[in-house]
Amino acid sequence: MPSKVFYNSACPVCNAGIKDQRRRMEACGNKDAEWVDVHNNPDAASEVGHSLEEVRERLHVKDGSGKLKIGIDAFVCLWQQTPGQQWLAKFFQLPLIRPLSRLAYNGFARLLYIWNRALKHW
């Protein structure tokens, strides 16, 4: 079962990051991931059991076994599947780095969400 990536294209920062990650994965021959834009398909958020606003705020990935990864853990899941980025996955799973990166990602995602709402991107 391929990974399923739930992202928000209405956020220009998020959209640019996802386009780059998708390009990297496809360039390595990994074309199995399914990319679900919740901005254009808001009902898809229910598939992960979270509200549309939660999925707009943070990246969500269902891995190949159906396990849900959110935020930095979602990126780690994608990096694990991307040759040339697997070192990132290992780095962000280190005992001290993992909790710090979660905190940083969640804080940045929250600020980015507030900024997008203020600019009425959705």
N, C-alpha and C. Protein backbone atom coordinates (compact mmCIF):
# COMPACT_ATOMS: atom_id res chain seq x y z
N MET A 1 0.84 -1.17 0.00
CA MET A 1 0.00 0.00 0.00
C MET A 1 0.90 1.25 0.00
N PRO A 2 0.73 2.15 -0.96
CA PRO A 2 1.57 3.35 -1.01
C PRO A 2 1.17 4.36 0.06
N SER A 3 2.08 5.29 0.33
CA SER A 3 1.79 6.37 1.26
C SER A 3 0.74 7.29 0.65
N LYS A 4 -0.02 7.92 1.52
CA LYS A 4 -1.01 8.89 1.10
C LYS A 4 -0.72 10.19 1.85
N VAL A 5 -0.44 11.25 1.12
CA VAL A 5 0.00 12.52 1.68
C VAL A 5 -1.15 13.53 1.61
N PHE A 6 -1.53 14.06 2.77
CA PHE A 6 -2.60 15.05 2.86
C PHE A 6 -1.97 16.41 3.15
N TYR A 7 -2.13 17.33 2.21
CA TYR A 7 -1.50 18.64 2.34
C TYR A 7 -2.47 19.74 1.91
N ASN A 8 -2.08 20.98 2.16
CA ASN A 8 -2.92 22.14 1.89
C ASN A 8 -2.26 23.04 0.85
N SER A 9 -2.76 23.01 -0.37
CA SER A 9 -2.16 23.81 -1.45
C SER A 9 -2.48 25.30 -1.33
N ALA A 10 -3.44 25.68 -0.49
CA ALA A 10 -3.79 27.10 -0.34
C ALA A 10 -2.70 27.87 0.42
N CYS A 11 -1.86 27.16 1.15
CA CYS A 11 -0.73 27.77 1.85
C CYS A 11 0.44 27.78 0.87
N PRO A 12 0.93 28.95 0.47
CA PRO A 12 2.01 28.98 -0.52
C PRO A 12 3.30 28.32 -0.03
N VAL A 13 3.60 28.42 1.24
CA VAL A 13 4.81 27.78 1.79
C VAL A 13 4.65 26.26 1.77
N CYS A 14 3.50 25.78 2.22
CA CYS A 14 3.23 24.34 2.24
C CYS A 14 3.22 23.77 0.82
N ASN A 15 2.58 24.48 -0.08
CA ASN A 15 2.47 24.01 -1.45
C ASN A 15 3.85 23.91 -2.11
N ALA A 16 4.69 24.90 -1.89
CA ALA A 16 6.05 24.86 -2.46
C ALA A 16 6.84 23.69 -1.88
N GLY A 17 6.72 23.46 -0.57
CA GLY A 17 7.43 22.34 0.05
C GLY A 17 6.96 20.99 -0.47
N ILE A 18 5.67 20.85 -0.64
CA ILE A 18 5.13 19.58 -1.14
C ILE A 18 5.50 19.37 -2.60
N LYS A 19 5.45 20.42 -3.40
CA LYS A 19 5.86 20.29 -4.81
C LYS A 19 7.31 19.83 -4.91
N ASP A 20 8.17 20.40 -4.07
CA ASP A 20 9.58 20.02 -4.08
C ASP A 20 9.75 18.57 -3.63
N GLN A 21 9.07 18.17 -2.56
CA GLN A 21 9.19 16.79 -2.07
C GLN A 21 8.66 15.80 -3.09
N ARG A 22 7.55 16.14 -3.70
CA ARG A 22 6.98 15.25 -4.72
C ARG A 22 7.94 15.10 -5.89
N ARG A 23 8.53 16.21 -6.34
CA ARG A 23 9.49 16.18 -7.44
C ARG A 23 10.69 15.30 -7.08
N ARG A 24 11.20 15.45 -5.86
CA ARG A 24 12.35 14.64 -5.43
C ARG A 24 12.00 13.16 -5.42
N MET A 25 10.83 12.83 -4.88
CA MET A 25 10.44 11.43 -4.80
C MET A 25 10.25 10.84 -6.19
N GLU A 26 9.59 11.57 -7.07
CA GLU A 26 9.34 11.05 -8.42
C GLU A 26 10.63 10.95 -9.21
N ALA A 27 11.58 11.87 -8.98
CA ALA A 27 12.87 11.81 -9.67
C ALA A 27 13.66 10.57 -9.28
N CYS A 28 13.40 10.04 -8.08
CA CYS A 28 14.07 8.83 -7.60
C CYS A 28 13.30 7.57 -8.00
N GLY A 29 12.23 7.75 -8.74
CA GLY A 29 11.44 6.60 -9.18
C GLY A 29 10.31 6.22 -8.24
N ASN A 30 10.13 6.96 -7.16
CA ASN A 30 9.05 6.68 -6.22
C ASN A 30 7.81 7.45 -6.66
N LYS A 31 6.97 6.77 -7.42
CA LYS A 31 5.75 7.40 -7.92
C LYS A 31 4.51 6.77 -7.30
N ASP A 32 4.71 6.03 -6.20
CA ASP A 32 3.61 5.32 -5.57
C ASP A 32 2.80 6.18 -4.62
N ALA A 33 3.37 7.26 -4.12
CA ALA A 33 2.66 8.09 -3.15
C ALA A 33 1.44 8.74 -3.80
N GLU A 34 0.38 8.81 -3.02
CA GLU A 34 -0.83 9.50 -3.48
C GLU A 34 -0.86 10.86 -2.79
N TRP A 35 -1.02 11.92 -3.55
CA TRP A 35 -0.98 13.29 -3.04
C TRP A 35 -2.39 13.84 -3.02
N VAL A 36 -2.88 14.15 -1.81
CA VAL A 36 -4.26 14.59 -1.63
C VAL A 36 -4.26 16.03 -1.14
N ASP A 37 -4.76 16.92 -1.96
CA ASP A 37 -4.84 18.34 -1.62
C ASP A 37 -6.17 18.60 -0.91
N VAL A 38 -6.13 18.87 0.38
CA VAL A 38 -7.36 19.07 1.14
C VAL A 38 -8.01 20.42 0.85
N HIS A 39 -7.28 21.33 0.23
CA HIS A 39 -7.90 22.59 -0.17
C HIS A 39 -8.90 22.36 -1.29
N ASN A 40 -8.51 21.54 -2.25
CA ASN A 40 -9.38 21.23 -3.38
C ASN A 40 -10.29 20.04 -3.12
N ASN A 41 -10.01 19.29 -2.07
CA ASN A 41 -10.80 18.11 -1.72
C ASN A 41 -10.98 18.08 -0.20
N PRO A 42 -11.75 19.02 0.36
CA PRO A 42 -11.86 19.13 1.82
C PRO A 42 -12.44 17.90 2.51
N ASP A 43 -13.25 17.13 1.83
CA ASP A 43 -13.83 15.94 2.44
C ASP A 43 -12.77 14.88 2.75
N ALA A 44 -11.62 14.96 2.10
CA ALA A 44 -10.55 13.98 2.31
C ALA A 44 -10.00 14.03 3.73
N ALA A 45 -10.16 15.16 4.41
CA ALA A 45 -9.65 15.27 5.78
C ALA A 45 -10.29 14.24 6.70
N SER A 46 -11.52 13.88 6.44
CA SER A 46 -12.21 12.90 7.28
C SER A 46 -11.53 11.53 7.21
N GLU A 47 -10.78 11.27 6.16
CA GLU A 47 -10.09 9.98 6.01
C GLU A 47 -9.01 9.78 7.07
N VAL A 48 -8.48 10.87 7.61
CA VAL A 48 -7.44 10.76 8.64
C VAL A 48 -8.02 10.94 10.04
N GLY A 49 -9.32 11.19 10.13
CA GLY A 49 -9.96 11.31 11.43
C GLY A 49 -9.70 12.62 12.14
N HIS A 50 -9.29 13.64 11.38
CA HIS A 50 -9.07 14.96 11.94
C HIS A 50 -9.90 15.98 11.18
N SER A 51 -10.08 17.14 11.78
CA SER A 51 -10.85 18.18 11.12
C SER A 51 -10.05 18.75 9.95
N LEU A 52 -10.75 19.39 9.05
CA LEU A 52 -10.11 20.03 7.91
C LEU A 52 -9.08 21.05 8.39
N GLU A 53 -9.40 21.80 9.43
CA GLU A 53 -8.48 22.82 9.93
C GLU A 53 -7.19 22.19 10.48
N GLU A 54 -7.30 21.05 11.13
CA GLU A 54 -6.09 20.36 11.63
C GLU A 54 -5.21 19.90 10.48
N VAL A 55 -5.83 19.41 9.42
CA VAL A 55 -5.06 18.94 8.27
C VAL A 55 -4.49 20.12 7.49
N ARG A 56 -5.19 21.24 7.49
CA ARG A 56 -4.64 22.44 6.86
C ARG A 56 -3.41 22.93 7.61
N GLU A 57 -3.41 22.77 8.91
CA GLU A 57 -2.31 23.30 9.73
C GLU A 57 -1.05 22.45 9.66
N ARG A 58 -1.19 21.12 9.65
CA ARG A 58 -0.01 20.26 9.69
C ARG A 58 -0.13 19.15 8.66
N LEU A 59 1.01 18.80 8.08
CA LEU A 59 1.07 17.72 7.10
C LEU A 59 0.65 16.40 7.75
N HIS A 60 -0.14 15.62 7.03
CA HIS A 60 -0.58 14.30 7.47
C HIS A 60 -0.19 13.29 6.40
N VAL A 61 0.36 12.16 6.82
CA VAL A 61 0.73 11.08 5.90
C VAL A 61 0.26 9.76 6.48
N LYS A 62 -0.44 8.99 5.66
CA LYS A 62 -0.73 7.60 6.00
C LYS A 62 0.36 6.78 5.33
N ASP A 63 1.14 6.07 6.14
CA ASP A 63 2.25 5.30 5.56
C ASP A 63 1.73 4.03 4.89
N GLY A 64 2.63 3.26 4.35
CA GLY A 64 2.26 2.05 3.61
C GLY A 64 1.47 1.04 4.41
N SER A 65 1.60 1.07 5.74
CA SER A 65 0.84 0.13 6.57
C SER A 65 -0.45 0.75 7.10
N GLY A 66 -0.74 1.99 6.69
CA GLY A 66 -1.96 2.66 7.12
C GLY A 66 -1.82 3.47 8.40
N LYS A 67 -0.61 3.52 8.95
CA LYS A 67 -0.39 4.28 10.19
C LYS A 67 -0.28 5.77 9.86
N LEU A 68 -0.95 6.60 10.66
CA LEU A 68 -0.97 8.03 10.44
C LEU A 68 0.23 8.71 11.08
N LYS A 69 0.90 9.54 10.30
CA LYS A 69 2.04 10.34 10.77
C LYS A 69 1.65 11.81 10.58
N ILE A 70 1.96 12.65 11.57
CA ILE A 70 1.57 14.05 11.52
C ILE A 70 2.77 14.94 11.79
N GLY A 71 2.83 16.06 11.06
CA GLY A 71 3.87 17.05 11.30
C GLY A 71 5.24 16.57 10.87
N ILE A 72 6.23 16.76 11.76
CA ILE A 72 7.60 16.37 11.42
C ILE A 72 7.69 14.86 11.18
N ASP A 73 6.87 14.07 11.87
CA ASP A 73 6.86 12.62 11.66
C ASP A 73 6.38 12.27 10.25
N ALA A 74 5.50 13.10 9.68
CA ALA A 74 5.05 12.90 8.31
C ALA A 74 6.20 13.16 7.34
N PHE A 75 6.96 14.22 7.61
CA PHE A 75 8.12 14.48 6.75
C PHE A 75 9.15 13.36 6.87
N VAL A 76 9.38 12.87 8.07
CA VAL A 76 10.33 11.76 8.26
C VAL A 76 9.89 10.56 7.41
N CYS A 77 8.61 10.28 7.41
CA CYS A 77 8.07 9.17 6.62
C CYS A 77 8.39 9.37 5.13
N LEU A 78 8.23 10.58 4.63
CA LEU A 78 8.53 10.86 3.22
C LEU A 78 10.02 10.80 2.95
N TRP A 79 10.82 11.35 3.85
CA TRP A 79 12.28 11.33 3.67
C TRP A 79 12.82 9.90 3.67
N GLN A 80 12.21 9.01 4.45
CA GLN A 80 12.64 7.61 4.47
C GLN A 80 12.47 6.96 3.10
N GLN A 81 11.53 7.45 2.33
CA GLN A 81 11.23 6.88 1.02
C GLN A 81 12.01 7.56 -0.11
N THR A 82 12.85 8.54 0.23
CA THR A 82 13.52 9.34 -0.78
C THR A 82 15.03 9.20 -0.69
N PRO A 83 15.64 8.47 -1.62
CA PRO A 83 17.10 8.39 -1.63
C PRO A 83 17.69 9.81 -1.67
N GLY A 84 18.72 10.02 -0.90
CA GLY A 84 19.32 11.35 -0.80
C GLY A 84 18.75 12.16 0.35
N GLN A 85 17.63 11.72 0.90
CA GLN A 85 17.04 12.40 2.05
C GLN A 85 16.89 11.46 3.25
N GLN A 86 17.31 10.23 3.09
CA GLN A 86 17.17 9.28 4.18
C GLN A 86 18.00 9.69 5.40
N TRP A 87 19.09 10.40 5.16
CA TRP A 87 19.90 10.89 6.28
C TRP A 87 19.09 11.90 7.12
N LEU A 88 18.21 12.68 6.46
CA LEU A 88 17.35 13.61 7.19
C LEU A 88 16.40 12.85 8.12
N ALA A 89 15.84 11.78 7.60
CA ALA A 89 14.94 10.96 8.41
C ALA A 89 15.66 10.44 9.65
N LYS A 90 16.87 9.95 9.47
CA LYS A 90 17.65 9.43 10.60
C LYS A 90 17.99 10.54 11.58
N PHE A 91 18.40 11.70 11.06
CA PHE A 91 18.76 12.82 11.92
C PHE A 91 17.58 13.27 12.78
N PHE A 92 16.40 13.44 12.14
CA PHE A 92 15.23 13.94 12.87
C PHE A 92 14.60 12.90 13.80
N GLN A 93 15.14 11.68 13.79
CA GLN A 93 14.68 10.66 14.73
C GLN A 93 15.63 10.48 15.92
N LEU A 94 16.72 11.23 15.94
CA LEU A 94 17.66 11.14 17.07
C LEU A 94 16.96 11.57 18.36
N PRO A 95 17.33 10.95 19.48
CA PRO A 95 16.63 11.19 20.74
C PRO A 95 16.46 12.66 21.15
N LEU A 96 17.45 13.48 21.00
CA LEU A 96 17.31 14.88 21.39
C LEU A 96 16.67 15.71 20.29
N ILE A 97 16.95 15.38 19.05
CA ILE A 97 16.46 16.15 17.90
C ILE A 97 14.96 15.95 17.70
N ARG A 98 14.47 14.75 17.89
CA ARG A 98 13.06 14.44 17.62
C ARG A 98 12.09 15.35 18.40
N PRO A 99 12.20 15.45 19.73
CA PRO A 99 11.25 16.31 20.44
C PRO A 99 11.43 17.79 20.11
N LEU A 100 12.67 18.21 19.89
CA LEU A 100 12.91 19.62 19.54
C LEU A 100 12.34 19.94 18.16
N SER A 101 12.49 19.02 17.22
CA SER A 101 11.97 19.26 15.88
C SER A 101 10.44 19.25 15.88
N ARG A 102 9.83 18.42 16.69
CA ARG A 102 8.37 18.43 16.80
C ARG A 102 7.88 19.77 17.32
N LEU A 103 8.54 20.25 18.36
CA LEU A 103 8.19 21.54 18.95
C LEU A 103 8.36 22.66 17.92
N ALA A 104 9.47 22.67 17.22
CA ALA A 104 9.74 23.70 16.21
C ALA A 104 8.74 23.62 15.06
N TYR A 105 8.49 22.41 14.56
CA TYR A 105 7.55 22.25 13.45
C TYR A 105 6.16 22.71 13.87
N ASN A 106 5.70 22.25 15.03
CA ASN A 106 4.35 22.60 15.47
C ASN A 106 4.19 24.10 15.68
N GLY A 107 5.22 24.74 16.23
CA GLY A 107 5.17 26.18 16.43
C GLY A 107 5.13 26.93 15.10
N PHE A 108 6.00 26.52 14.18
CA PHE A 108 6.04 27.15 12.87
C PHE A 108 4.73 26.92 12.12
N ALA A 109 4.21 25.69 12.18
CA ALA A 109 2.96 25.35 11.49
C ALA A 109 1.81 26.20 12.03
N ARG A 110 1.79 26.39 13.34
CA ARG A 110 0.72 27.20 13.95
C ARG A 110 0.80 28.65 13.46
N LEU A 111 2.00 29.22 13.47
CA LEU A 111 2.17 30.60 13.00
C LEU A 111 1.82 30.73 11.51
N LEU A 112 2.22 29.76 10.74
CA LEU A 112 1.92 29.76 9.31
C LEU A 112 0.40 29.65 9.08
N TYR A 113 -0.25 28.84 9.88
CA TYR A 113 -1.71 28.68 9.79
C TYR A 113 -2.39 30.03 10.10
N ILE A 114 -1.97 30.69 11.16
CA ILE A 114 -2.54 31.99 11.54
C ILE A 114 -2.31 33.01 10.43
N TRP A 115 -1.11 33.04 9.88
CA TRP A 115 -0.78 33.95 8.79
C TRP A 115 -1.68 33.71 7.58
N ASN A 116 -1.85 32.43 7.21
CA ASN A 116 -2.70 32.09 6.06
C ASN A 116 -4.15 32.49 6.30
N ARG A 117 -4.63 32.28 7.52
CA ARG A 117 -6.01 32.67 7.84
C ARG A 117 -6.17 34.19 7.75
N ALA A 118 -5.18 34.91 8.27
CA ALA A 118 -5.24 36.38 8.24
C ALA A 118 -5.26 36.90 6.79
N LEU A 119 -4.54 36.22 5.90
CA LEU A 119 -4.52 36.61 4.49
C LEU A 119 -5.69 36.03 3.70
N LYS A 120 -6.55 35.30 4.40
CA LYS A 120 -7.75 34.69 3.80
C LYS A 120 -7.43 33.78 2.61
N HIS A 121 -6.41 32.95 2.80
CA HIS A 121 -6.07 31.97 1.77
C HIS A 121 -7.14 30.88 1.67
N TRP A 122 -7.95 30.78 2.70
CA TRP A 122 -9.11 29.86 2.66
C TRP A 122 -10.19 30.38 3.55
